[in-house]
Amino acid sequence: MAPGSDSVPPSDQLEFLLVGAADGMAHLADPLGDFREHVSALWHLPLGQRVRVDLRDCELPWLQGRLELAQAPDLPLDTRQALMLRIGTIEFSSRQIVAWALG
């Protein structure tokens, strides 16, 4: 970059994918959104949503908050494998879930 230049060399630029929304505003696209939705559908879990989960074999009998993947599942996706999940900073396995409810 030349001294006094306001431009950023192409190799140092960050790329952002902006998508239009119904409100007319541009929003950052979630690059993992489709993947999360696919995993959510396969394992029948509401990933990315606020839930209460009842757990077995855990220090806490239940947790409430946004259900997220703690670790991406191996590919190809296999529903016989457990998902590593988290709510906040608490991690647990999909096999520990006894019941869940949106909320």
PDB file of N, CA and C in Angstrom:
ATOM      1  N   MET A   1       0.853  -1.169   0.000  1.00  0.00           N
ATOM      2  CA  MET A   1       0.000   0.000   0.000  1.00  0.00           C
ATOM      3  C   MET A   1       0.894   1.225   0.000  1.00  0.00           C
ATOM      4  N   ALA A   2       0.620   2.158  -0.854  1.00  0.00           N
ATOM      5  CA  ALA A   2       1.419   3.366  -0.963  1.00  0.00           C
ATOM      6  C   ALA A   2       1.141   4.286   0.217  1.00  0.00           C
ATOM      7  N   PRO A   3       2.181   4.996   0.700  1.00  0.00           N
ATOM      8  CA  PRO A   3       1.961   5.934   1.806  1.00  0.00           C
ATOM      9  C   PRO A   3       0.894   6.956   1.428  1.00  0.00           C
ATOM     10  N   GLY A   4       0.012   7.238   2.360  1.00  0.00           N
ATOM     11  CA  GLY A   4      -1.048   8.214   2.121  1.00  0.00           C
ATOM     12  C   GLY A   4      -2.229   7.665   1.354  1.00  0.00           C
ATOM     13  N   SER A   5      -2.168   6.409   0.957  1.00  0.00           N
ATOM     14  CA  SER A   5      -3.271   5.810   0.211  1.00  0.00           C
ATOM     15  C   SER A   5      -4.363   5.367   1.177  1.00  0.00           C
ATOM     16  N   ASP A   6      -5.613   5.609   0.810  1.00  0.00           N
ATOM     17  CA  ASP A   6      -6.737   5.214   1.655  1.00  0.00           C
ATOM     18  C   ASP A   6      -7.291   3.852   1.290  1.00  0.00           C
ATOM     19  N   SER A   7      -6.788   3.256   0.215  1.00  0.00           N
ATOM     20  CA  SER A   7      -7.337   1.965  -0.195  1.00  0.00           C
ATOM     21  C   SER A   7      -6.609   0.827   0.508  1.00  0.00           C
ATOM     22  N   VAL A   8      -7.293  -0.275   0.659  1.00  0.00           N
ATOM     23  CA  VAL A   8      -6.745  -1.473   1.288  1.00  0.00           C
ATOM     24  C   VAL A   8      -6.389  -2.448   0.183  1.00  0.00           C
ATOM     25  N   PRO A   9      -5.187  -3.031   0.236  1.00  0.00           N
ATOM     26  CA  PRO A   9      -4.837  -4.016  -0.793  1.00  0.00           C
ATOM     27  C   PRO A   9      -5.862  -5.147  -0.803  1.00  0.00           C
ATOM     28  N   PRO A  10      -6.194  -5.680  -1.979  1.00  0.00           N
ATOM     29  CA  PRO A  10      -7.222  -6.728  -2.073  1.00  0.00           C
ATOM     30  C   PRO A  10      -6.971  -7.919  -1.150  1.00  0.00           C
ATOM     31  N   SER A  11      -5.736  -8.278  -0.906  1.00  0.00           N
ATOM     32  CA  SER A  11      -5.451  -9.449  -0.071  1.00  0.00           C
ATOM     33  C   SER A  11      -5.807  -9.216   1.389  1.00  0.00           C
ATOM     34  N   ASP A  12      -5.948  -7.947   1.809  1.00  0.00           N
ATOM     35  CA  ASP A  12      -6.258  -7.639   3.198  1.00  0.00           C
ATOM     36  C   ASP A  12      -7.732  -7.314   3.420  1.00  0.00           C
ATOM     37  N   GLN A  13      -8.528  -7.336   2.355  1.00  0.00           N
ATOM     38  CA  GLN A  13      -9.932  -6.995   2.493  1.00  0.00           C
ATOM     39  C   GLN A  13     -10.715  -8.174   3.046  1.00  0.00           C
ATOM     40  N   LEU A  14     -11.665  -7.869   3.897  1.00  0.00           N
ATOM     41  CA  LEU A  14     -12.586  -8.879   4.400  1.00  0.00           C
ATOM     42  C   LEU A  14     -13.797  -8.904   3.488  1.00  0.00           C
ATOM     43  N   GLU A  15     -14.365 -10.085   3.294  1.00  0.00           N
ATOM     44  CA  GLU A  15     -15.551 -10.199   2.464  1.00  0.00           C
ATOM     45  C   GLU A  15     -16.767 -10.396   3.350  1.00  0.00           C
ATOM     46  N   PHE A  16     -17.830  -9.705   3.026  1.00  0.00           N
ATOM     47  CA  PHE A  16     -19.084  -9.837   3.740  1.00  0.00           C
ATOM     48  C   PHE A  16     -20.179 -10.135   2.736  1.00  0.00           C
ATOM     49  N   LEU A  17     -21.063 -11.052   3.090  1.00  0.00           N
ATOM     50  CA  LEU A  17     -22.204 -11.358   2.250  1.00  0.00           C
ATOM     51  C   LEU A  17     -23.407 -10.677   2.876  1.00  0.00           C
ATOM     52  N   LEU A  18     -23.931  -9.672   2.199  1.00  0.00           N
ATOM     53  CA  LEU A  18     -25.093  -8.951   2.693  1.00  0.00           C
ATOM     54  C   LEU A  18     -26.312  -9.388   1.908  1.00  0.00           C
ATOM     55  N   VAL A  19     -27.406  -9.591   2.607  1.00  0.00           N
ATOM     56  CA  VAL A  19     -28.645  -9.968   1.946  1.00  0.00           C
ATOM     57  C   VAL A  19     -29.725  -8.973   2.334  1.00  0.00           C
ATOM     58  N   GLY A  20     -30.617  -8.714   1.399  1.00  0.00           N
ATOM     59  CA  GLY A  20     -31.722  -7.815   1.664  1.00  0.00           C
ATOM     60  C   GLY A  20     -32.796  -8.520   2.484  1.00  0.00           C
ATOM     61  N   ALA A  21     -33.497  -7.773   3.274  1.00  0.00           N
ATOM     62  CA  ALA A  21     -34.569  -8.330   4.095  1.00  0.00           C
ATOM     63  C   ALA A  21     -35.869  -7.599   3.793  1.00  0.00           C
ATOM     64  N   ALA A  22     -36.960  -8.126   4.314  1.00  0.00           N
ATOM     65  CA  ALA A  22     -38.281  -7.541   4.072  1.00  0.00           C
ATOM     66  C   ALA A  22     -38.359  -6.106   4.575  1.00  0.00           C
ATOM     67  N   ASP A  23     -37.570  -5.768   5.584  1.00  0.00           N
ATOM     68  CA  ASP A  23     -37.606  -4.410   6.119  1.00  0.00           C
ATOM     69  C   ASP A  23     -36.782  -3.434   5.290  1.00  0.00           C
ATOM     70  N   GLY A  24     -36.197  -3.908   4.169  1.00  0.00           N
ATOM     71  CA  GLY A  24     -35.420  -3.053   3.288  1.00  0.00           C
ATOM     72  C   GLY A  24     -33.995  -2.830   3.749  1.00  0.00           C
ATOM     73  N   MET A  25     -33.616  -3.414   4.874  1.00  0.00           N
ATOM     74  CA  MET A  25     -32.265  -3.247   5.414  1.00  0.00           C
ATOM     75  C   MET A  25     -31.393  -4.416   4.955  1.00  0.00           C
ATOM     76  N   ALA A  26     -30.115  -4.174   4.850  1.00  0.00           N
ATOM     77  CA  ALA A  26     -29.164  -5.235   4.513  1.00  0.00           C
ATOM     78  C   ALA A  26     -28.680  -5.878   5.810  1.00  0.00           C
ATOM     79  N   HIS A  27     -28.597  -7.183   5.827  1.00  0.00           N
ATOM     80  CA  HIS A  27     -28.158  -7.928   7.003  1.00  0.00           C
ATOM     81  C   HIS A  27     -27.048  -8.879   6.596  1.00  0.00           C
ATOM     82  N   LEU A  28     -26.173  -9.192   7.554  1.00  0.00           N
ATOM     83  CA  LEU A  28     -25.150 -10.191   7.285  1.00  0.00           C
ATOM     84  C   LEU A  28     -25.808 -11.550   7.149  1.00  0.00           C
ATOM     85  N   ALA A  29     -25.449 -12.290   6.129  1.00  0.00           N
ATOM     86  CA  ALA A  29     -25.996 -13.631   5.932  1.00  0.00           C
ATOM     87  C   ALA A  29     -25.300 -14.591   6.884  1.00  0.00           C
ATOM     88  N   ASP A  30     -26.019 -15.565   7.369  1.00  0.00           N
ATOM     89  CA  ASP A  30     -25.449 -16.600   8.233  1.00  0.00           C
ATOM     90  C   ASP A  30     -24.944 -17.718   7.340  1.00  0.00           C
ATOM     91  N   PRO A  31     -23.613 -17.850   7.166  1.00  0.00           N
ATOM     92  CA  PRO A  31     -23.089 -18.858   6.245  1.00  0.00           C
ATOM     93  C   PRO A  31     -23.373 -20.288   6.695  1.00  0.00           C
ATOM     94  N   LEU A  32     -23.660 -20.478   7.974  1.00  0.00           N
ATOM     95  CA  LEU A  32     -23.945 -21.825   8.473  1.00  0.00           C
ATOM     96  C   LEU A  32     -25.432 -22.065   8.663  1.00  0.00           C
ATOM     97  N   GLY A  33     -26.258 -21.109   8.286  1.00  0.00           N
ATOM     98  CA  GLY A  33     -27.699 -21.224   8.499  1.00  0.00           C
ATOM     99  C   GLY A  33     -28.311 -22.459   7.875  1.00  0.00           C
ATOM    100  N   ASP A  34     -28.025 -22.712   6.601  1.00  0.00           N
ATOM    101  CA  ASP A  34     -28.591 -23.882   5.926  1.00  0.00           C
ATOM    102  C   ASP A  34     -28.093 -25.173   6.559  1.00  0.00           C
ATOM    103  N   PHE A  35     -26.812 -25.209   6.903  1.00  0.00           N
ATOM    104  CA  PHE A  35     -26.246 -26.407   7.535  1.00  0.00           C
ATOM    105  C   PHE A  35     -26.927 -26.657   8.879  1.00  0.00           C
ATOM    106  N   ARG A  36     -27.069 -25.597   9.695  1.00  0.00           N
ATOM    107  CA  ARG A  36     -27.706 -25.730  11.009  1.00  0.00           C
ATOM    108  C   ARG A  36     -29.144 -26.202  10.852  1.00  0.00           C
ATOM    109  N   GLU A  37     -29.859 -25.667   9.868  1.00  0.00           N
ATOM    110  CA  GLU A  37     -31.246 -26.078   9.644  1.00  0.00           C
ATOM    111  C   GLU A  37     -31.320 -27.548   9.228  1.00  0.00           C
ATOM    112  N   HIS A  38     -30.381 -27.979   8.406  1.00  0.00           N
ATOM    113  CA  HIS A  38     -30.347 -29.381   7.962  1.00  0.00           C
ATOM    114  C   HIS A  38     -30.076 -30.313   9.153  1.00  0.00           C
ATOM    115  N   VAL A  39     -29.089 -29.969   9.970  1.00  0.00           N
ATOM    116  CA  VAL A  39     -28.770 -30.771  11.166  1.00  0.00           C
ATOM    117  C   VAL A  39     -29.964 -30.765  12.118  1.00  0.00           C
ATOM    118  N   SER A  40     -30.572 -29.616  12.300  1.00  0.00           N
ATOM    119  CA  SER A  40     -31.729 -29.481  13.177  1.00  0.00           C
ATOM    120  C   SER A  40     -32.862 -30.408  12.740  1.00  0.00           C
ATOM    121  N   ALA A  41     -33.125 -30.444  11.448  1.00  0.00           N
ATOM    122  CA  ALA A  41     -34.195 -31.297  10.914  1.00  0.00           C
ATOM    123  C   ALA A  41     -33.853 -32.778  11.067  1.00  0.00           C
ATOM    124  N   LEU A  42     -32.620 -33.147  10.778  1.00  0.00           N
ATOM    125  CA  LEU A  42     -32.229 -34.561  10.870  1.00  0.00           C
ATOM    126  C   LEU A  42     -32.309 -35.098  12.296  1.00  0.00           C
ATOM    127  N   TRP A  43     -31.865 -34.307  13.273  1.00  0.00           N
ATOM    128  CA  TRP A  43     -31.844 -34.763  14.667  1.00  0.00           C
ATOM    129  C   TRP A  43     -33.114 -34.349  15.424  1.00  0.00           C
ATOM    130  N   HIS A  44     -34.029 -33.661  14.755  1.00  0.00           N
ATOM    131  CA  HIS A  44     -35.293 -33.225  15.369  1.00  0.00           C
ATOM    132  C   HIS A  44     -35.046 -32.386  16.617  1.00  0.00           C
ATOM    133  N   LEU A  45     -34.129 -31.421  16.494  1.00  0.00           N
ATOM    134  CA  LEU A  45     -33.800 -30.510  17.592  1.00  0.00           C
ATOM    135  C   LEU A  45     -33.904 -29.073  17.094  1.00  0.00           C
ATOM    136  N   PRO A  46     -34.374 -28.164  17.941  1.00  0.00           N
ATOM    137  CA  PRO A  46     -34.554 -26.764  17.526  1.00  0.00           C
ATOM    138  C   PRO A  46     -33.276 -25.925  17.674  1.00  0.00           C
ATOM    139  N   LEU A  47     -32.254 -26.248  16.893  1.00  0.00           N
ATOM    140  CA  LEU A  47     -30.993 -25.507  16.977  1.00  0.00           C
ATOM    141  C   LEU A  47     -31.207 -24.034  16.668  1.00  0.00           C
ATOM    142  N   GLY A  48     -30.551 -23.178  17.434  1.00  0.00           N
ATOM    143  CA  GLY A  48     -30.652 -21.742  17.232  1.00  0.00           C
ATOM    144  C   GLY A  48     -31.855 -21.102  17.896  1.00  0.00           C
ATOM    145  N   GLN A  49     -32.674 -21.899  18.558  1.00  0.00           N
ATOM    146  CA  GLN A  49     -33.873 -21.366  19.210  1.00  0.00           C
ATOM    147  C   GLN A  49     -33.734 -21.450  20.729  1.00  0.00           C
ATOM    148  N   ARG A  50     -34.536 -20.631  21.403  1.00  0.00           N
ATOM    149  CA  ARG A  50     -34.551 -20.643  22.873  1.00  0.00           C
ATOM    150  C   ARG A  50     -35.401 -21.825  23.327  1.00  0.00           C
ATOM    151  N   VAL A  51     -34.805 -22.670  24.170  1.00  0.00           N
ATOM    152  CA  VAL A  51     -35.472 -23.887  24.628  1.00  0.00           C
ATOM    153  C   VAL A  51     -35.204 -24.138  26.105  1.00  0.00           C
ATOM    154  N   ARG A  52     -35.964 -25.041  26.652  1.00  0.00           N
ATOM    155  CA  ARG A  52     -35.655 -25.647  27.946  1.00  0.00           C
ATOM    156  C   ARG A  52     -35.400 -27.117  27.634  1.00  0.00           C
ATOM    157  N   VAL A  53     -34.267 -27.646  28.092  1.00  0.00           N
ATOM    158  CA  VAL A  53     -33.966 -29.063  27.904  1.00  0.00           C
ATOM    159  C   VAL A  53     -33.830 -29.731  29.262  1.00  0.00           C
ATOM    160  N   ASP A  54     -34.449 -30.893  29.398  1.00  0.00           N
ATOM    161  CA  ASP A  54     -34.281 -31.733  30.575  1.00  0.00           C
ATOM    162  C   ASP A  54     -33.194 -32.741  30.242  1.00  0.00           C
ATOM    163  N   LEU A  55     -32.209 -32.881  31.158  1.00  0.00           N
ATOM    164  CA  LEU A  55     -31.043 -33.702  30.879  1.00  0.00           C
ATOM    165  C   LEU A  55     -30.891 -34.849  31.868  1.00  0.00           C
ATOM    166  N   ARG A  56     -30.277 -35.925  31.386  1.00  0.00           N
ATOM    167  CA  ARG A  56     -29.901 -37.039  32.258  1.00  0.00           C
ATOM    168  C   ARG A  56     -28.369 -37.063  32.335  1.00  0.00           C
ATOM    169  N   ASP A  57     -27.861 -37.640  33.412  1.00  0.00           N
ATOM    170  CA  ASP A  57     -26.413 -37.786  33.598  1.00  0.00           C
ATOM    171  C   ASP A  57     -25.681 -36.450  33.451  1.00  0.00           C
ATOM    172  N   CYS A  58     -26.228 -35.425  34.073  1.00  0.00           N
ATOM    173  CA  CYS A  58     -25.628 -34.095  34.013  1.00  0.00           C
ATOM    174  C   CYS A  58     -25.744 -33.472  35.401  1.00  0.00           C
ATOM    175  N   GLU A  59     -24.795 -32.597  35.743  1.00  0.00           N
ATOM    176  CA  GLU A  59     -24.846 -31.929  37.044  1.00  0.00           C
ATOM    177  C   GLU A  59     -26.117 -31.111  37.204  1.00  0.00           C
ATOM    178  N   LEU A  60     -26.612 -30.576  36.097  1.00  0.00           N
ATOM    179  CA  LEU A  60     -27.837 -29.785  36.119  1.00  0.00           C
ATOM    180  C   LEU A  60     -28.968 -30.596  35.503  1.00  0.00           C
ATOM    181  N   PRO A  61     -30.119 -30.694  36.173  1.00  0.00           N
ATOM    182  CA  PRO A  61     -31.221 -31.494  35.626  1.00  0.00           C
ATOM    183  C   PRO A  61     -31.874 -30.864  34.407  1.00  0.00           C
ATOM    184  N   TRP A  62     -31.748 -29.530  34.253  1.00  0.00           N
ATOM    185  CA  TRP A  62     -32.322 -28.857  33.097  1.00  0.00           C
ATOM    186  C   TRP A  62     -31.561 -27.574  32.815  1.00  0.00           C
ATOM    187  N   LEU A  63     -31.658 -27.120  31.583  1.00  0.00           N
ATOM    188  CA  LEU A  63     -31.050 -25.860  31.149  1.00  0.00           C
ATOM    189  C   LEU A  63     -32.068 -25.106  30.305  1.00  0.00           C
ATOM    190  N   GLN A  64     -31.936 -23.793  30.296  1.00  0.00           N
ATOM    191  CA  GLN A  64     -32.802 -22.980  29.451  1.00  0.00           C
ATOM    192  C   GLN A  64     -31.957 -21.925  28.757  1.00  0.00           C
ATOM    193  N   GLY A  65     -32.181 -21.774  27.458  1.00  0.00           N
ATOM    194  CA  GLY A  65     -31.446 -20.792  26.678  1.00  0.00           C
ATOM    195  C   GLY A  65     -31.426 -21.192  25.215  1.00  0.00           C
ATOM    196  N   ARG A  66     -30.531 -20.575  24.465  1.00  0.00           N
ATOM    197  CA  ARG A  66     -30.431 -20.836  23.025  1.00  0.00           C
ATOM    198  C   ARG A  66     -29.625 -22.110  22.787  1.00  0.00           C
ATOM    199  N   LEU A  67     -30.212 -23.073  22.091  1.00  0.00           N
ATOM    200  CA  LEU A  67     -29.573 -24.356  21.805  1.00  0.00           C
ATOM    201  C   LEU A  67     -28.662 -24.216  20.595  1.00  0.00           C
ATOM    202  N   GLU A  68     -27.374 -24.504  20.785  1.00  0.00           N
ATOM    203  CA  GLU A  68     -26.382 -24.356  19.729  1.00  0.00           C
ATOM    204  C   GLU A  68     -25.538 -25.614  19.600  1.00  0.00           C
ATOM    205  N   LEU A  69     -24.930 -25.770  18.430  1.00  0.00           N
ATOM    206  CA  LEU A  69     -23.937 -26.823  18.254  1.00  0.00           C
ATOM    207  C   LEU A  69     -22.669 -26.398  18.983  1.00  0.00           C
ATOM    208  N   ALA A  70     -22.134 -27.280  19.827  1.00  0.00           N
ATOM    209  CA  ALA A  70     -20.859 -27.003  20.483  1.00  0.00           C
ATOM    210  C   ALA A  70     -19.719 -27.413  19.572  1.00  0.00           C
ATOM    211  N   GLN A  71     -20.005 -28.363  18.710  1.00  0.00           N
ATOM    212  CA  GLN A  71     -19.001 -28.883  17.782  1.00  0.00           C
ATOM    213  C   GLN A  71     -19.741 -29.358  16.538  1.00  0.00           C
ATOM    214  N   ALA A  72     -19.185 -29.077  15.376  1.00  0.00           N
ATOM    215  CA  ALA A  72     -19.818 -29.523  14.131  1.00  0.00           C
ATOM    216  C   ALA A  72     -19.765 -31.044  14.054  1.00  0.00           C
ATOM    217  N   PRO A  73     -20.846 -31.678  13.611  1.00  0.00           N
ATOM    218  CA  PRO A  73     -20.835 -33.138  13.479  1.00  0.00           C
ATOM    219  C   PRO A  73     -19.946 -33.565  12.312  1.00  0.00           C
ATOM    220  N   ASP A  74     -19.466 -34.797  12.400  1.00  0.00           N
ATOM    221  CA  ASP A  74     -18.653 -35.342  11.318  1.00  0.00           C
ATOM    222  C   ASP A  74     -19.501 -35.521  10.063  1.00  0.00           C
ATOM    223  N   LEU A  75     -18.844 -35.391   8.927  1.00  0.00           N
ATOM    224  CA  LEU A  75     -19.488 -35.637   7.639  1.00  0.00           C
ATOM    225  C   LEU A  75     -19.066 -36.988   7.113  1.00  0.00           C
ATOM    226  N   PRO A  76     -19.895 -37.717   6.451  1.00  0.00           N
ATOM    227  CA  PRO A  76     -21.302 -37.398   6.184  1.00  0.00           C
ATOM    228  C   PRO A  76     -22.125 -37.471   7.474  1.00  0.00           C
ATOM    229  N   LEU A  77     -23.204 -36.707   7.506  1.00  0.00           N
ATOM    230  CA  LEU A  77     -24.055 -36.665   8.696  1.00  0.00           C
ATOM    231  C   LEU A  77     -24.667 -38.034   8.952  1.00  0.00           C
ATOM    232  N   ASP A  78     -24.638 -38.427  10.216  1.00  0.00           N
ATOM    233  CA  ASP A  78     -25.153 -39.735  10.616  1.00  0.00           C
ATOM    234  C   ASP A  78     -25.918 -39.552  11.918  1.00  0.00           C
ATOM    235  N   THR A  79     -27.231 -39.694  11.864  1.00  0.00           N
ATOM    236  CA  THR A  79     -28.062 -39.451  13.051  1.00  0.00           C
ATOM    237  C   THR A  79     -27.848 -40.481  14.152  1.00  0.00           C
ATOM    238  N   ARG A  80     -27.104 -41.537  13.863  1.00  0.00           N
ATOM    239  CA  ARG A  80     -26.768 -42.496  14.926  1.00  0.00           C
ATOM    240  C   ARG A  80     -25.668 -41.956  15.840  1.00  0.00           C
ATOM    241  N   GLN A  81     -24.991 -40.913  15.388  1.00  0.00           N
ATOM    242  CA  GLN A  81     -23.948 -40.286  16.196  1.00  0.00           C
ATOM    243  C   GLN A  81     -24.558 -39.181  17.054  1.00  0.00           C
ATOM    244  N   ALA A  82     -24.012 -39.001  18.237  1.00  0.00           N
ATOM    245  CA  ALA A  82     -24.485 -37.944  19.132  1.00  0.00           C
ATOM    246  C   ALA A  82     -23.977 -36.584  18.664  1.00  0.00           C
ATOM    247  N   LEU A  83     -24.801 -35.570  18.849  1.00  0.00           N
ATOM    248  CA  LEU A  83     -24.380 -34.194  18.595  1.00  0.00           C
ATOM    249  C   LEU A  83     -23.823 -33.613  19.883  1.00  0.00           C
ATOM    250  N   MET A  84     -22.779 -32.821  19.775  1.00  0.00           N
ATOM    251  CA  MET A  84     -22.275 -32.073  20.919  1.00  0.00           C
ATOM    252  C   MET A  84     -22.949 -30.710  20.884  1.00  0.00           C
ATOM    253  N   LEU A  85     -23.712 -30.425  21.927  1.00  0.00           N
ATOM    254  CA  LEU A  85     -24.542 -29.224  21.996  1.00  0.00           C
ATOM    255  C   LEU A  85     -24.114 -28.350  23.163  1.00  0.00           C
ATOM    256  N   ARG A  86     -24.668 -27.138  23.194  1.00  0.00           N
ATOM    257  CA  ARG A  86     -24.441 -26.273  24.347  1.00  0.00           C
ATOM    258  C   ARG A  86     -25.595 -25.292  24.488  1.00  0.00           C
ATOM    259  N   ILE A  87     -25.787 -24.885  25.703  1.00  0.00           N
ATOM    260  CA  ILE A  87     -26.641 -23.746  26.030  1.00  0.00           C
ATOM    261  C   ILE A  87     -25.767 -22.863  26.902  1.00  0.00           C
ATOM    262  N   GLY A  88     -25.484 -21.679  26.422  1.00  0.00           N
ATOM    263  CA  GLY A  88     -24.531 -20.821  27.132  1.00  0.00           C
ATOM    264  C   GLY A  88     -23.162 -21.473  27.105  1.00  0.00           C
ATOM    265  N   THR A  89     -22.576 -21.669  28.269  1.00  0.00           N
ATOM    266  CA  THR A  89     -21.249 -22.297  28.351  1.00  0.00           C
ATOM    267  C   THR A  89     -21.320 -23.763  28.755  1.00  0.00           C
ATOM    268  N   ILE A  90     -22.522 -24.278  28.966  1.00  0.00           N
ATOM    269  CA  ILE A  90     -22.700 -25.666  29.399  1.00  0.00           C
ATOM    270  C   ILE A  90     -22.829 -26.559  28.169  1.00  0.00           C
ATOM    271  N   GLU A  91     -21.912 -27.518  28.034  1.00  0.00           N
ATOM    272  CA  GLU A  91     -21.937 -28.452  26.911  1.00  0.00           C
ATOM    273  C   GLU A  91     -22.512 -29.790  27.352  1.00  0.00           C
ATOM    274  N   PHE A  92     -23.197 -30.436  26.413  1.00  0.00           N
ATOM    275  CA  PHE A  92     -23.800 -31.739  26.681  1.00  0.00           C
ATOM    276  C   PHE A  92     -24.030 -32.448  25.359  1.00  0.00           C
ATOM    277  N   SER A  93     -24.352 -33.716  25.443  1.00  0.00           N
ATOM    278  CA  SER A  93     -24.592 -34.537  24.258  1.00  0.00           C
ATOM    279  C   SER A  93     -26.090 -34.605  23.961  1.00  0.00           C
ATOM    280  N   SER A  94     -26.407 -34.776  22.695  1.00  0.00           N
ATOM    281  CA  SER A  94     -27.820 -34.940  22.336  1.00  0.00           C
ATOM    282  C   SER A  94     -28.419 -36.171  23.005  1.00  0.00           C
ATOM    283  N   ARG A  95     -27.599 -37.142  23.329  1.00  0.00           N
ATOM    284  CA  ARG A  95     -28.091 -38.351  24.010  1.00  0.00           C
ATOM    285  C   ARG A  95     -28.492 -38.097  25.454  1.00  0.00           C
ATOM    286  N   GLN A  96     -28.062 -36.979  26.024  1.00  0.00           N
ATOM    287  CA  GLN A  96     -28.421 -36.648  27.392  1.00  0.00           C
ATOM    288  C   GLN A  96     -29.789 -35.975  27.477  1.00  0.00           C
ATOM    289  N   ILE A  97     -30.355 -35.580  26.355  1.00  0.00           N
ATOM    290  CA  ILE A  97     -31.636 -34.873  26.362  1.00  0.00           C
ATOM    291  C   ILE A  97     -32.766 -35.869  26.587  1.00  0.00           C
ATOM    292  N   VAL A  98     -33.506 -35.653  27.654  1.00  0.00           N
ATOM    293  CA  VAL A  98     -34.685 -36.464  27.958  1.00  0.00           C
ATOM    294  C   VAL A  98     -35.908 -35.863  27.280  1.00  0.00           C
ATOM    295  N   ALA A  99     -36.002 -34.533  27.341  1.00  0.00           N
ATOM    296  CA  ALA A  99     -37.132 -33.813  26.737  1.00  0.00           C
ATOM    297  C   ALA A  99     -36.704 -32.377  26.475  1.00  0.00           C
ATOM    298  N   TRP A 100     -37.389 -31.730  25.530  1.00  0.00           N
ATOM    299  CA  TRP A 100     -37.156 -30.308  25.298  1.00  0.00           C
ATOM    300  C   TRP A 100     -38.466 -29.628  24.956  1.00  0.00           C
ATOM    301  N   ALA A 101     -38.506 -28.317  25.202  1.00  0.00           N
ATOM    302  CA  ALA A 101     -39.676 -27.501  24.863  1.00  0.00           C
ATOM    303  C   ALA A 101     -39.194 -26.113  24.468  1.00  0.00           C
ATOM    304  N   LEU A 102     -39.842 -25.538  23.474  1.00  0.00           N
ATOM    305  CA  LEU A 102     -39.509 -24.170  23.078  1.00  0.00           C
ATOM    306  C   LEU A 102     -39.881 -23.232  24.200  1.00  0.00           C
ATOM    307  N   GLY A 103     -39.088 -22.217  24.360  1.00  0.00           N
ATOM    308  CA  GLY A 103     -39.436 -21.251  25.400  1.00  0.00           C
ATOM    309  C   GLY A 103     -38.297 -20.438  25.747  1.00  0.00           C
TER     310      GLY A 103
END
